[in-house]
Amino acid sequence: MNYYNSISRSYNELHREEQLNKIRLIKDNLEIKKQDFLLDVGCGTGIFAKEFKCIKIGIDPSVNLLNQGKNAFYIRAYAENLPFKDNSFDSVISVTAIHNFKNIRKGLEEIKRVSKKDVALSILKKSSKINEIKNLIKELFNIRKTIEEDKDIIFFAKR
């Protein structure tokens, strides 16, 4: 997390277009209504917020990244201990963040716990943990579609 705090001022400049491309793919493949609740786990600066027209909440452990966020409600939290009740969100997304979870299984179990229906999870292809993450996603979720883009694999799943 110190890495993300240290690059927080330049994060959007470094990753904005790449993240927006993934977000657009997710948006095109999830049916999200205006009244739906959406959680972004590992939201960073909240780049996702403008792309979705619904009730949005983002969580991230990096205060410096969260401080740059606009257009949504942000909470400092870890994926492994989401501060929400079971089935709180219609959809949950996590874009290129899972490899940073301290406990990947626990983080994915928490995502499943708080989701009602749809989940979109992108994993970095070059991550040394890619096989572990793919196997856990397949074990914990009902995968309905997978998209490979330039740097990530995006899983669309049902709870």
Protein backbone atom coordinates (compact mmCIF):
# COMPACT_ATOMS: atom_id res chain seq x y z
CA MET A 1 0.00 0.00 0.00
CA ASN A 2 2.94 2.36 0.56
CA TYR A 3 3.57 2.13 -3.18
CA TYR A 4 0.08 3.47 -3.97
CA ASN A 5 0.38 6.21 -1.38
CA SER A 6 3.70 7.25 -2.93
CA ILE A 7 2.33 7.42 -6.51
CA SER A 8 -1.09 8.77 -5.57
CA ARG A 9 -0.55 12.21 -7.13
CA SER A 10 0.38 10.72 -10.49
CA TYR A 11 -1.88 7.63 -10.38
CA ASN A 12 -4.53 9.00 -12.75
CA GLU A 13 -1.91 10.23 -15.18
CA LEU A 14 -0.23 6.81 -15.16
CA HIS A 15 -3.29 4.55 -15.24
CA ARG A 16 -6.40 6.54 -16.19
CA GLU A 17 -6.91 5.41 -19.80
CA GLU A 18 -6.03 1.81 -19.04
CA GLN A 19 -8.47 1.69 -16.11
CA LEU A 20 -11.22 3.47 -18.06
CA ASN A 21 -10.97 0.89 -20.84
CA LYS A 22 -11.54 -1.91 -18.31
CA ILE A 23 -14.35 0.00 -16.64
CA ARG A 24 -16.10 0.50 -19.98
CA LEU A 25 -15.88 -3.23 -20.71
CA ILE A 26 -17.35 -3.94 -17.29
CA LYS A 27 -20.09 -1.35 -17.78
CA ASP A 28 -20.99 -2.88 -21.16
CA ASN A 29 -21.30 -6.34 -19.63
CA LEU A 30 -23.17 -5.59 -16.40
CA GLU A 31 -26.79 -4.55 -16.25
CA ILE A 32 -26.77 -1.74 -13.70
CA LYS A 33 -29.85 0.31 -13.04
CA LYS A 34 -30.00 3.84 -11.65
CA GLN A 35 -31.32 2.60 -8.28
CA ASP A 36 -28.69 -0.18 -7.94
CA PHE A 37 -25.95 -0.14 -5.32
CA LEU A 38 -22.45 -0.69 -6.72
CA LEU A 39 -19.31 -1.38 -4.70
CA ASP A 40 -15.82 -0.94 -6.15
CA VAL A 41 -13.26 -2.88 -4.10
CA GLY A 42 -9.84 -1.29 -4.52
CA CYS A 43 -11.32 1.86 -6.08
CA GLY A 44 -8.12 3.89 -5.88
CA THR A 45 -8.91 7.44 -6.99
CA GLY A 46 -12.45 6.50 -7.96
CA ILE A 47 -12.01 6.63 -11.71
CA PHE A 48 -15.05 4.32 -11.96
CA ALA A 49 -17.46 6.81 -10.42
CA LYS A 50 -18.30 8.86 -13.50
CA GLU A 51 -18.88 5.79 -15.64
CA PHE A 52 -21.76 4.31 -13.65
CA LYS A 53 -25.10 6.03 -13.18
CA CYS A 54 -26.16 4.40 -9.91
CA ILE A 55 -25.45 4.59 -6.18
CA LYS A 56 -21.70 4.05 -5.85
CA ILE A 57 -19.39 3.26 -2.97
CA GLY A 58 -15.67 2.69 -3.25
CA ILE A 59 -13.27 1.19 -0.75
CA ASP A 60 -9.49 1.30 -0.77
CA PRO A 61 -6.81 1.08 1.93
CA SER A 62 -4.82 4.03 0.48
CA VAL A 63 -5.89 7.32 2.05
CA ASN A 64 -3.84 9.28 -0.47
CA LEU A 65 -5.68 7.69 -3.41
CA LEU A 66 -9.09 8.09 -1.76
CA ASN A 67 -8.44 11.78 -1.09
CA GLN A 68 -8.40 12.38 -4.85
CA GLY A 69 -11.78 10.76 -5.42
CA LYS A 70 -14.90 12.61 -6.50
CA ASN A 71 -18.46 11.70 -7.47
CA ALA A 72 -18.95 8.81 -5.04
CA PHE A 73 -18.76 7.88 -1.42
CA TYR A 74 -15.37 6.48 -0.43
CA ILE A 75 -14.38 4.48 2.64
CA ARG A 76 -10.95 3.48 3.80
CA ALA A 77 -11.18 -0.28 4.20
CA TYR A 78 -9.56 -3.54 3.21
CA ALA A 79 -11.13 -6.12 0.91
CA GLU A 80 -10.64 -8.78 3.56
CA ASN A 81 -12.93 -6.99 6.01
CA LEU A 82 -15.67 -5.15 4.13
CA PRO A 83 -17.74 -3.01 6.53
CA PHE A 84 -21.09 -3.95 5.00
CA LYS A 85 -23.92 -6.39 5.69
CA ASP A 86 -24.42 -9.52 3.61
CA ASN A 87 -26.04 -8.92 0.21
CA SER A 88 -25.63 -5.13 0.47
CA PHE A 89 -24.74 -4.47 -3.19
CA ASP A 90 -26.46 -5.32 -6.45
CA SER A 91 -23.07 -5.41 -8.15
CA VAL A 92 -19.48 -5.53 -6.96
CA ILE A 93 -16.47 -4.76 -9.11
CA SER A 94 -12.75 -4.98 -8.45
CA VAL A 95 -10.48 -3.68 -11.18
CA THR A 96 -6.82 -4.73 -11.14
CA ALA A 97 -6.71 -4.83 -7.34
CA ILE A 98 -7.04 -8.47 -6.28
CA HIS A 99 -3.31 -9.21 -6.52
CA ASN A 100 -2.81 -6.53 -3.83
CA PHE A 101 -5.15 -8.18 -1.30
CA LYS A 102 -3.29 -9.39 1.79
CA ASN A 103 -5.43 -12.55 1.83
CA ILE A 104 -6.85 -13.20 -1.63
CA ARG A 105 -9.29 -15.93 -0.59
CA LYS A 106 -10.70 -13.84 2.26
CA GLY A 107 -11.03 -10.76 0.01
CA LEU A 108 -12.92 -12.73 -2.65
CA GLU A 109 -15.11 -14.36 0.00
CA GLU A 110 -15.98 -10.88 1.29
CA ILE A 111 -16.85 -9.71 -2.22
CA LYS A 112 -19.16 -12.69 -2.59
CA ARG A 113 -20.70 -12.09 0.84
CA VAL A 114 -21.68 -8.46 0.16
CA SER A 115 -22.90 -9.00 -3.42
CA LYS A 116 -26.50 -9.79 -4.31
CA LYS A 117 -26.05 -10.82 -7.91
CA ASP A 118 -23.35 -9.59 -10.32
CA VAL A 119 -19.61 -9.45 -9.84
CA ALA A 120 -16.90 -8.24 -12.24
CA LEU A 121 -13.30 -8.99 -11.29
CA SER A 122 -10.26 -8.04 -13.33
CA ILE A 123 -6.90 -9.61 -12.70
CA LEU A 124 -3.54 -8.47 -13.94
CA LYS A 125 -2.13 -11.00 -16.44
CA LYS A 126 1.46 -10.38 -15.36
CA SER A 127 0.74 -10.94 -11.67
CA SER A 128 2.74 -13.74 -10.09
CA LYS A 129 -0.51 -14.71 -8.33
CA ILE A 130 -2.62 -15.05 -11.50
CA ASN A 131 -3.15 -18.81 -11.27
CA GLU A 132 -4.09 -18.66 -7.60
CA ILE A 133 -6.54 -15.82 -8.28
CA LYS A 134 -8.11 -17.51 -11.34
CA ASN A 135 -8.59 -20.75 -9.43
CA LEU A 136 -10.19 -18.98 -6.46
CA ILE A 137 -12.55 -16.98 -8.69
CA LYS A 138 -13.62 -20.18 -10.44
CA GLU A 139 -14.10 -21.93 -7.09
CA LEU A 140 -16.09 -19.16 -5.40
CA PHE A 141 -18.19 -17.71 -8.23
CA ASN A 142 -20.43 -18.85 -11.05
CA ILE A 143 -18.52 -17.50 -14.08
CA ARG A 144 -20.77 -16.46 -16.96
CA LYS A 145 -18.24 -14.70 -19.19
CA THR A 146 -14.52 -13.98 -19.44
CA ILE A 147 -12.88 -11.23 -21.48
CA GLU A 148 -9.16 -10.98 -22.09
CA GLU A 149 -7.99 -7.47 -22.73
CA ASP A 150 -4.50 -6.11 -23.12
CA LYS A 151 -3.26 -6.34 -19.52
CA ASP A 152 -6.10 -8.00 -17.63
CA ILE A 153 -8.53 -10.89 -17.65
CA ILE A 154 -12.03 -9.80 -16.62
CA PHE A 155 -14.39 -12.34 -15.07
CA PHE A 156 -18.12 -11.65 -15.07
CA ALA A 157 -19.86 -13.82 -12.52
CA LYS A 158 -22.98 -14.39 -10.55
CA ARG A 159 -22.83 -14.66 -6.83
